[in-house]
């Protein structure tokens, strides 16, 4: 592949905070929702997504093992979609 195309973006209103609605949310849950919305906004079939790249720092516990793979699956992408962080 020689070209990368960004067809849509989405984000949460506020990242993980000790106060607020996302306080007790798992990072994969809300990041999966964000990816799902970006795919929906782009009007793309999740099966057409070839790569999912998730930028993340200081991951630990359940969110530490290839969070991009977990997010892609949560967003409805097939297991054949490549994912990395």
PDB file of N, CA and C in Angstrom:
ATOM      1  N   UNK A   1       0.848  -1.167   0.000  1.00  0.00           N
ATOM      2  CA  UNK A   1       0.000   0.000   0.000  1.00  0.00           C
ATOM      3  C   UNK A   1       0.900   1.238   0.000  1.00  0.00           C
ATOM      4  N   UNK A   2       0.562   2.189  -0.832  1.00  0.00           N
ATOM      5  CA  UNK A   2       1.337   3.421  -0.887  1.00  0.00           C
ATOM      6  C   UNK A   2       0.560   4.623  -0.368  1.00  0.00           C
ATOM      7  N   UNK A   3      -0.741   4.495  -0.239  1.00  0.00           N
ATOM      8  CA  UNK A   3      -1.567   5.611   0.218  1.00  0.00           C
ATOM      9  C   UNK A   3      -2.387   5.222   1.442  1.00  0.00           C
ATOM     10  N   UNK A   4      -2.484   6.150   2.368  1.00  0.00           N
ATOM     11  CA  UNK A   4      -3.367   5.980   3.524  1.00  0.00           C
ATOM     12  C   UNK A   4      -4.469   7.017   3.390  1.00  0.00           C
ATOM     13  N   UNK A   5      -5.696   6.625   3.692  1.00  0.00           N
ATOM     14  CA  UNK A   5      -6.827   7.518   3.547  1.00  0.00           C
ATOM     15  C   UNK A   5      -7.584   7.592   4.864  1.00  0.00           C
ATOM     16  N   UNK A   6      -7.776   8.796   5.349  1.00  0.00           N
ATOM     17  CA  UNK A   6      -8.608   9.012   6.531  1.00  0.00           C
ATOM     18  C   UNK A   6      -9.968   9.460   6.024  1.00  0.00           C
ATOM     19  N   UNK A   7     -10.987   8.656   6.274  1.00  0.00           N
ATOM     20  CA  UNK A   7     -12.314   8.972   5.746  1.00  0.00           C
ATOM     21  C   UNK A   7     -13.243   9.541   6.808  1.00  0.00           C
ATOM     22  N   UNK A   8     -12.853   9.449   8.069  1.00  0.00           N
ATOM     23  CA  UNK A   8     -13.718   9.928   9.132  1.00  0.00           C
ATOM     24  C   UNK A   8     -12.926  10.012  10.427  1.00  0.00           C
ATOM     25  N   UNK A   9     -13.410  10.818  11.335  1.00  0.00           N
ATOM     26  CA  UNK A   9     -12.829  10.892  12.668  1.00  0.00           C
ATOM     27  C   UNK A   9     -13.945  10.959  13.699  1.00  0.00           C
ATOM     28  N   UNK A  10     -13.626  10.605  14.913  1.00  0.00           N
ATOM     29  CA  UNK A  10     -14.553  10.736  16.041  1.00  0.00           C
ATOM     30  C   UNK A  10     -13.713  10.695  17.300  1.00  0.00           C
ATOM     31  N   UNK A  11     -14.221  11.249  18.361  1.00  0.00           N
ATOM     32  CA  UNK A  11     -13.499  11.216  19.627  1.00  0.00           C
ATOM     33  C   UNK A  11     -14.485  11.356  20.780  1.00  0.00           C
ATOM     34  N   UNK A  12     -14.014  11.044  21.961  1.00  0.00           N
ATOM     35  CA  UNK A  12     -14.844  11.241  23.143  1.00  0.00           C
ATOM     36  C   UNK A  12     -14.776  12.714  23.524  1.00  0.00           C
ATOM     37  N   UNK A  13     -15.755  13.145  24.270  1.00  0.00           N
ATOM     38  CA  UNK A  13     -15.776  14.545  24.695  1.00  0.00           C
ATOM     39  C   UNK A  13     -14.650  14.850  25.667  1.00  0.00           C
ATOM     40  N   UNK A  14     -14.293  13.872  26.481  1.00  0.00           N
ATOM     41  CA  UNK A  14     -13.264  14.059  27.481  1.00  0.00           C
ATOM     42  C   UNK A  14     -12.578  12.727  27.705  1.00  0.00           C
ATOM     43  N   UNK A  15     -11.280  12.754  27.773  1.00  0.00           N
ATOM     44  CA  UNK A  15     -10.543  11.516  28.031  1.00  0.00           C
ATOM     45  C   UNK A  15     -10.754  11.074  29.475  1.00  0.00           C
ATOM     46  N   UNK A  16     -10.144   9.984  29.844  1.00  0.00           N
ATOM     47  CA  UNK A  16     -10.279   9.421  31.185  1.00  0.00           C
ATOM     48  C   UNK A  16     -10.031  10.491  32.251  1.00  0.00           C
ATOM     49  N   UNK A  17     -10.959  10.638  33.127  1.00  0.00           N
ATOM     50  CA  UNK A  17     -10.881  11.666  34.160  1.00  0.00           C
ATOM     51  C   UNK A  17     -11.343  11.058  35.480  1.00  0.00           C
ATOM     52  N   UNK A  18     -10.810  11.546  36.570  1.00  0.00           N
ATOM     53  CA  UNK A  18     -11.219  11.014  37.869  1.00  0.00           C
ATOM     54  C   UNK A  18     -12.596  11.528  38.279  1.00  0.00           C
ATOM     55  N   UNK A  19     -13.083  12.528  37.570  1.00  0.00           N
ATOM     56  CA  UNK A  19     -14.448  13.005  37.777  1.00  0.00           C
ATOM     57  C   UNK A  19     -15.106  13.021  36.409  1.00  0.00           C
ATOM     58  N   UNK A  20     -16.326  12.612  36.318  1.00  0.00           N
ATOM     59  CA  UNK A  20     -17.013  12.688  35.039  1.00  0.00           C
ATOM     60  C   UNK A  20     -17.598  11.369  34.606  1.00  0.00           C
ATOM     61  N   UNK A  21     -18.274  11.421  33.482  1.00  0.00           N
ATOM     62  CA  UNK A  21     -19.046  10.285  32.987  1.00  0.00           C
ATOM     63  C   UNK A  21     -18.186   9.084  32.603  1.00  0.00           C
ATOM     64  N   UNK A  22     -16.940   9.309  32.199  1.00  0.00           N
ATOM     65  CA  UNK A  22     -16.096   8.199  31.759  1.00  0.00           C
ATOM     66  C   UNK A  22     -15.235   7.623  32.875  1.00  0.00           C
ATOM     67  N   UNK A  23     -15.417   8.087  34.078  1.00  0.00           N
ATOM     68  CA  UNK A  23     -14.578   7.697  35.204  1.00  0.00           C
ATOM     69  C   UNK A  23     -14.458   6.187  35.362  1.00  0.00           C
ATOM     70  N   UNK A  24     -15.542   5.485  35.324  1.00  0.00           N
ATOM     71  CA  UNK A  24     -15.516   4.039  35.551  1.00  0.00           C
ATOM     72  C   UNK A  24     -15.624   3.228  34.257  1.00  0.00           C
ATOM     73  N   UNK A  25     -15.429   3.866  33.116  1.00  0.00           N
ATOM     74  CA  UNK A  25     -15.518   3.171  31.832  1.00  0.00           C
ATOM     75  C   UNK A  25     -14.184   2.536  31.470  1.00  0.00           C
ATOM     76  N   UNK A  26     -14.246   1.355  30.879  1.00  0.00           N
ATOM     77  CA  UNK A  26     -13.036   0.689  30.412  1.00  0.00           C
ATOM     78  C   UNK A  26     -12.589   1.354  29.116  1.00  0.00           C
ATOM     79  N   UNK A  27     -11.295   1.607  28.943  1.00  0.00           N
ATOM     80  CA  UNK A  27     -10.809   2.286  27.733  1.00  0.00           C
ATOM     81  C   UNK A  27     -11.228   1.602  26.432  1.00  0.00           C
ATOM     82  N   UNK A  28     -11.270   0.287  26.420  1.00  0.00           N
ATOM     83  CA  UNK A  28     -11.664  -0.422  25.207  1.00  0.00           C
ATOM     84  C   UNK A  28     -13.136  -0.168  24.896  1.00  0.00           C
ATOM     85  N   UNK A  29     -13.973  -0.069  25.912  1.00  0.00           N
ATOM     86  CA  UNK A  29     -15.405   0.156  25.692  1.00  0.00           C
ATOM     87  C   UNK A  29     -15.653   1.487  24.997  1.00  0.00           C
ATOM     88  N   UNK A  30     -15.091   2.570  25.529  1.00  0.00           N
ATOM     89  CA  UNK A  30     -15.400   3.847  24.889  1.00  0.00           C
ATOM     90  C   UNK A  30     -14.597   4.073  23.620  1.00  0.00           C
ATOM     91  N   UNK A  31     -13.409   3.510  23.491  1.00  0.00           N
ATOM     92  CA  UNK A  31     -12.660   3.647  22.249  1.00  0.00           C
ATOM     93  C   UNK A  31     -13.317   2.829  21.136  1.00  0.00           C
ATOM     94  N   UNK A  32     -13.855   1.672  21.481  1.00  0.00           N
ATOM     95  CA  UNK A  32     -14.607   0.878  20.518  1.00  0.00           C
ATOM     96  C   UNK A  32     -15.822   1.633  20.009  1.00  0.00           C
ATOM     97  N   UNK A  33     -16.500   2.333  20.911  1.00  0.00           N
ATOM     98  CA  UNK A  33     -17.662   3.145  20.520  1.00  0.00           C
ATOM     99  C   UNK A  33     -17.235   4.267  19.576  1.00  0.00           C
ATOM    100  N   UNK A  34     -16.113   4.903  19.863  1.00  0.00           N
ATOM    101  CA  UNK A  34     -15.611   5.983  19.011  1.00  0.00           C
ATOM    102  C   UNK A  34     -15.293   5.449  17.610  1.00  0.00           C
ATOM    103  N   UNK A  35     -14.621   4.308  17.522  1.00  0.00           N
ATOM    104  CA  UNK A  35     -14.301   3.726  16.219  1.00  0.00           C
ATOM    105  C   UNK A  35     -15.573   3.331  15.472  1.00  0.00           C
ATOM    106  N   UNK A  36     -16.508   2.751  16.185  1.00  0.00           N
ATOM    107  CA  UNK A  36     -17.782   2.371  15.567  1.00  0.00           C
ATOM    108  C   UNK A  36     -18.464   3.589  14.951  1.00  0.00           C
ATOM    109  N   UNK A  37     -18.468   4.711  15.677  1.00  0.00           N
ATOM    110  CA  UNK A  37     -19.080   5.940  15.170  1.00  0.00           C
ATOM    111  C   UNK A  37     -18.322   6.500  13.968  1.00  0.00           C
ATOM    112  N   UNK A  38     -16.996   6.436  13.991  1.00  0.00           N
ATOM    113  CA  UNK A  38     -16.206   6.926  12.854  1.00  0.00           C
ATOM    114  C   UNK A  38     -16.501   6.099  11.607  1.00  0.00           C
ATOM    115  N   UNK A  39     -16.619   4.794  11.764  1.00  0.00           N
ATOM    116  CA  UNK A  39     -16.937   3.915  10.632  1.00  0.00           C
ATOM    117  C   UNK A  39     -18.339   4.226  10.116  1.00  0.00           C
ATOM    118  N   UNK A  40     -19.277   4.417  11.026  1.00  0.00           N
ATOM    119  CA  UNK A  40     -20.656   4.726  10.633  1.00  0.00           C
ATOM    120  C   UNK A  40     -20.721   6.073   9.899  1.00  0.00           C
ATOM    121  N   UNK A  41     -20.036   7.092  10.403  1.00  0.00           N
ATOM    122  CA  UNK A  41     -20.025   8.413   9.761  1.00  0.00           C
ATOM    123  C   UNK A  41     -19.451   8.357   8.352  1.00  0.00           C
ATOM    124  N   UNK A  42     -18.467   7.483   8.154  1.00  0.00           N
ATOM    125  CA  UNK A  42     -17.837   7.346   6.844  1.00  0.00           C
ATOM    126  C   UNK A  42     -18.680   6.523   5.879  1.00  0.00           C
ATOM    127  N   UNK A  43     -19.732   5.913   6.408  1.00  0.00           N
ATOM    128  CA  UNK A  43     -20.602   5.045   5.601  1.00  0.00           C
ATOM    129  C   UNK A  43     -19.789   3.922   4.940  1.00  0.00           C
ATOM    130  N   UNK A  44     -18.944   3.313   5.768  1.00  0.00           N
ATOM    131  CA  UNK A  44     -18.081   2.222   5.315  1.00  0.00           C
ATOM    132  C   UNK A  44     -18.510   0.946   6.023  1.00  0.00           C
ATOM    133  N   UNK A  45     -18.498  -0.145   5.295  1.00  0.00           N
ATOM    134  CA  UNK A  45     -18.760  -1.445   5.898  1.00  0.00           C
ATOM    135  C   UNK A  45     -17.543  -1.811   6.758  1.00  0.00           C
ATOM    136  N   UNK A  46     -17.749  -2.181   8.032  1.00  0.00           N
ATOM    137  CA  UNK A  46     -16.604  -2.539   8.883  1.00  0.00           C
ATOM    138  C   UNK A  46     -15.702  -3.612   8.268  1.00  0.00           C
ATOM    139  N   UNK A  47     -16.251  -4.459   7.409  1.00  0.00           N
ATOM    140  CA  UNK A  47     -15.453  -5.498   6.762  1.00  0.00           C
ATOM    141  C   UNK A  47     -14.455  -4.903   5.765  1.00  0.00           C
ATOM    142  N   UNK A  48     -14.649  -3.648   5.353  1.00  0.00           N
ATOM    143  CA  UNK A  48     -13.742  -2.998   4.414  1.00  0.00           C
ATOM    144  C   UNK A  48     -12.558  -2.319   5.107  1.00  0.00           C
ATOM    145  N   UNK A  49     -12.610  -2.216   6.426  1.00  0.00           N
ATOM    146  CA  UNK A  49     -11.513  -1.595   7.177  1.00  0.00           C
ATOM    147  C   UNK A  49     -10.334  -2.566   7.197  1.00  0.00           C
ATOM    148  N   UNK A  50      -9.193  -2.123   6.687  1.00  0.00           N
ATOM    149  CA  UNK A  50      -8.031  -3.003   6.595  1.00  0.00           C
ATOM    150  C   UNK A  50      -7.128  -2.928   7.813  1.00  0.00           C
ATOM    151  N   UNK A  51      -6.967  -1.732   8.385  1.00  0.00           N
ATOM    152  CA  UNK A  51      -6.070  -1.540   9.520  1.00  0.00           C
ATOM    153  C   UNK A  51      -6.717  -0.621  10.544  1.00  0.00           C
ATOM    154  N   UNK A  52      -6.522  -0.951  11.804  1.00  0.00           N
ATOM    155  CA  UNK A  52      -6.948  -0.077  12.903  1.00  0.00           C
ATOM    156  C   UNK A  52      -5.700   0.244  13.711  1.00  0.00           C
ATOM    157  N   UNK A  53      -5.428   1.534  13.847  1.00  0.00           N
ATOM    158  CA  UNK A  53      -4.275   1.989  14.616  1.00  0.00           C
ATOM    159  C   UNK A  53      -4.800   2.837  15.759  1.00  0.00           C
ATOM    160  N   UNK A  54      -4.455   2.467  16.975  1.00  0.00           N
ATOM    161  CA  UNK A  54      -4.909   3.197  18.154  1.00  0.00           C
ATOM    162  C   UNK A  54      -3.691   3.747  18.876  1.00  0.00           C
ATOM    163  N   UNK A  55      -3.668   5.056  19.067  1.00  0.00           N
ATOM    164  CA  UNK A  55      -2.592   5.674  19.826  1.00  0.00           C
ATOM    165  C   UNK A  55      -2.928   5.615  21.301  1.00  0.00           C
ATOM    166  N   UNK A  56      -2.034   5.083  22.097  1.00  0.00           N
ATOM    167  CA  UNK A  56      -2.297   4.947  23.524  1.00  0.00           C
ATOM    168  C   UNK A  56      -0.977   4.945  24.285  1.00  0.00           C
ATOM    169  N   UNK A  57      -1.025   5.444  25.513  1.00  0.00           N
ATOM    170  CA  UNK A  57       0.159   5.437  26.369  1.00  0.00           C
ATOM    171  C   UNK A  57      -0.209   4.911  27.742  1.00  0.00           C
ATOM    172  N   UNK A  58       0.759   4.427  28.446  1.00  0.00           N
ATOM    173  CA  UNK A  58       0.602   3.965  29.828  1.00  0.00           C
ATOM    174  C   UNK A  58      -0.530   2.955  30.008  1.00  0.00           C
ATOM    175  N   UNK A  59      -0.628   1.997  29.080  1.00  0.00           N
ATOM    176  CA  UNK A  59      -1.658   0.974  29.206  1.00  0.00           C
ATOM    177  C   UNK A  59      -1.231  -0.060  30.229  1.00  0.00           C
ATOM    178  N   UNK A  60      -2.189  -0.544  30.976  1.00  0.00           N
ATOM    179  CA  UNK A  60      -1.893  -1.564  31.974  1.00  0.00           C
ATOM    180  C   UNK A  60      -3.133  -2.422  32.189  1.00  0.00           C
ATOM    181  N   UNK A  61      -2.948  -3.517  32.837  1.00  0.00           N
ATOM    182  CA  UNK A  61      -4.076  -4.399  33.135  1.00  0.00           C
ATOM    183  C   UNK A  61      -4.730  -4.930  31.874  1.00  0.00           C
ATOM    184  N   UNK A  62      -6.047  -4.991  31.892  1.00  0.00           N
ATOM    185  CA  UNK A  62      -6.814  -5.579  30.792  1.00  0.00           C
ATOM    186  C   UNK A  62      -6.679  -4.792  29.495  1.00  0.00           C
ATOM    187  N   UNK A  63      -6.338  -3.519  29.568  1.00  0.00           N
ATOM    188  CA  UNK A  63      -6.230  -2.726  28.346  1.00  0.00           C
ATOM    189  C   UNK A  63      -4.828  -2.776  27.748  1.00  0.00           C
ATOM    190  N   UNK A  64      -3.918  -3.500  28.349  1.00  0.00           N
ATOM    191  CA  UNK A  64      -2.540  -3.509  27.891  1.00  0.00           C
ATOM    192  C   UNK A  64      -2.230  -4.453  26.750  1.00  0.00           C
ATOM    193  N   UNK A  65      -3.027  -5.472  26.530  1.00  0.00           N
ATOM    194  CA  UNK A  65      -2.741  -6.473  25.507  1.00  0.00           C
ATOM    195  C   UNK A  65      -3.398  -6.091  24.182  1.00  0.00           C
ATOM    196  N   UNK A  66      -2.631  -5.538  23.266  1.00  0.00           N
ATOM    197  CA  UNK A  66      -3.078  -5.076  21.953  1.00  0.00           C
ATOM    198  C   UNK A  66      -4.471  -4.447  21.998  1.00  0.00           C
ATOM    199  N   UNK A  67      -4.540  -3.295  22.586  1.00  0.00           N
ATOM    200  CA  UNK A  67      -5.802  -2.583  22.750  1.00  0.00           C
ATOM    201  C   UNK A  67      -6.460  -2.297  21.393  1.00  0.00           C
ATOM    202  N   UNK A  68      -5.676  -2.101  20.348  1.00  0.00           N
ATOM    203  CA  UNK A  68      -6.249  -1.830  19.030  1.00  0.00           C
ATOM    204  C   UNK A  68      -7.052  -3.025  18.525  1.00  0.00           C
ATOM    205  N   UNK A  69      -6.570  -4.226  18.780  1.00  0.00           N
ATOM    206  CA  UNK A  69      -7.308  -5.431  18.381  1.00  0.00           C
ATOM    207  C   UNK A  69      -8.641  -5.503  19.121  1.00  0.00           C
ATOM    208  N   UNK A  70      -8.608  -5.259  20.418  1.00  0.00           N
ATOM    209  CA  UNK A  70      -9.833  -5.287  21.214  1.00  0.00           C
ATOM    210  C   UNK A  70     -10.823  -4.226  20.743  1.00  0.00           C
ATOM    211  N   UNK A  71     -10.317  -3.038  20.437  1.00  0.00           N
ATOM    212  CA  UNK A  71     -11.162  -1.933  19.972  1.00  0.00           C
ATOM    213  C   UNK A  71     -11.785  -2.273  18.620  1.00  0.00           C
ATOM    214  N   UNK A  72     -10.994  -2.806  17.697  1.00  0.00           N
ATOM    215  CA  UNK A  72     -11.509  -3.154  16.370  1.00  0.00           C
ATOM    216  C   UNK A  72     -12.637  -4.178  16.468  1.00  0.00           C
ATOM    217  N   UNK A  73     -12.445  -5.188  17.288  1.00  0.00           N
ATOM    218  CA  UNK A  73     -13.484  -6.203  17.455  1.00  0.00           C
ATOM    219  C   UNK A  73     -14.725  -5.609  18.105  1.00  0.00           C
ATOM    220  N   UNK A  74     -14.528  -4.744  19.094  1.00  0.00           N
ATOM    221  CA  UNK A  74     -15.653  -4.092  19.781  1.00  0.00           C
ATOM    222  C   UNK A  74     -16.450  -3.218  18.816  1.00  0.00           C
ATOM    223  N   UNK A  75     -15.764  -2.625  17.830  1.00  0.00           N
ATOM    224  CA  UNK A  75     -16.416  -1.732  16.866  1.00  0.00           C
ATOM    225  C   UNK A  75     -17.099  -2.482  15.731  1.00  0.00           C
ATOM    226  N   UNK A  76     -16.957  -3.807  15.702  1.00  0.00           N
ATOM    227  CA  UNK A  76     -17.639  -4.598  14.682  1.00  0.00           C
ATOM    228  C   UNK A  76     -16.781  -4.981  13.496  1.00  0.00           C
ATOM    229  N   UNK A  77     -15.491  -4.718  13.561  1.00  0.00           N
ATOM    230  CA  UNK A  77     -14.592  -5.132  12.480  1.00  0.00           C
ATOM    231  C   UNK A  77     -14.372  -6.643  12.569  1.00  0.00           C
ATOM    232  N   UNK A  78     -14.184  -7.294  11.427  1.00  0.00           N
ATOM    233  CA  UNK A  78     -13.952  -8.746  11.459  1.00  0.00           C
ATOM    234  C   UNK A  78     -12.572  -9.083  12.021  1.00  0.00           C
ATOM    235  N   UNK A  79     -12.372 -10.314  12.396  1.00  0.00           N
ATOM    236  CA  UNK A  79     -11.091 -10.743  12.965  1.00  0.00           C
ATOM    237  C   UNK A  79      -9.957 -10.653  11.952  1.00  0.00           C
ATOM    238  N   UNK A  80     -10.268 -10.492  10.678  1.00  0.00           N
ATOM    239  CA  UNK A  80      -9.243 -10.380   9.649  1.00  0.00           C
ATOM    240  C   UNK A  80      -8.677  -8.964   9.548  1.00  0.00           C
ATOM    241  N   UNK A  81      -9.247  -7.998  10.266  1.00  0.00           N
ATOM    242  CA  UNK A  81      -8.762  -6.623  10.257  1.00  0.00           C
ATOM    243  C   UNK A  81      -7.474  -6.532  11.088  1.00  0.00           C
ATOM    244  N   UNK A  82      -6.433  -5.994  10.478  1.00  0.00           N
ATOM    245  CA  UNK A  82      -5.179  -5.816  11.197  1.00  0.00           C
ATOM    246  C   UNK A  82      -5.341  -4.671  12.201  1.00  0.00           C
ATOM    247  N   UNK A  83      -4.704  -4.807  13.361  1.00  0.00           N
ATOM    248  CA  UNK A  83      -4.825  -3.762  14.374  1.00  0.00           C
ATOM    249  C   UNK A  83      -3.548  -3.710  15.208  1.00  0.00           C
ATOM    250  N   UNK A  84      -3.086  -2.511  15.477  1.00  0.00           N
ATOM    251  CA  UNK A  84      -1.911  -2.344  16.339  1.00  0.00           C
ATOM    252  C   UNK A  84      -1.901  -0.961  16.957  1.00  0.00           C
ATOM    253  N   UNK A  85      -1.072  -0.839  18.000  1.00  0.00           N
ATOM    254  CA  UNK A  85      -0.931   0.460  18.657  1.00  0.00           C
ATOM    255  C   UNK A  85       0.505   0.878  18.675  1.00  0.00           C
TER     256      UNK A  85
END
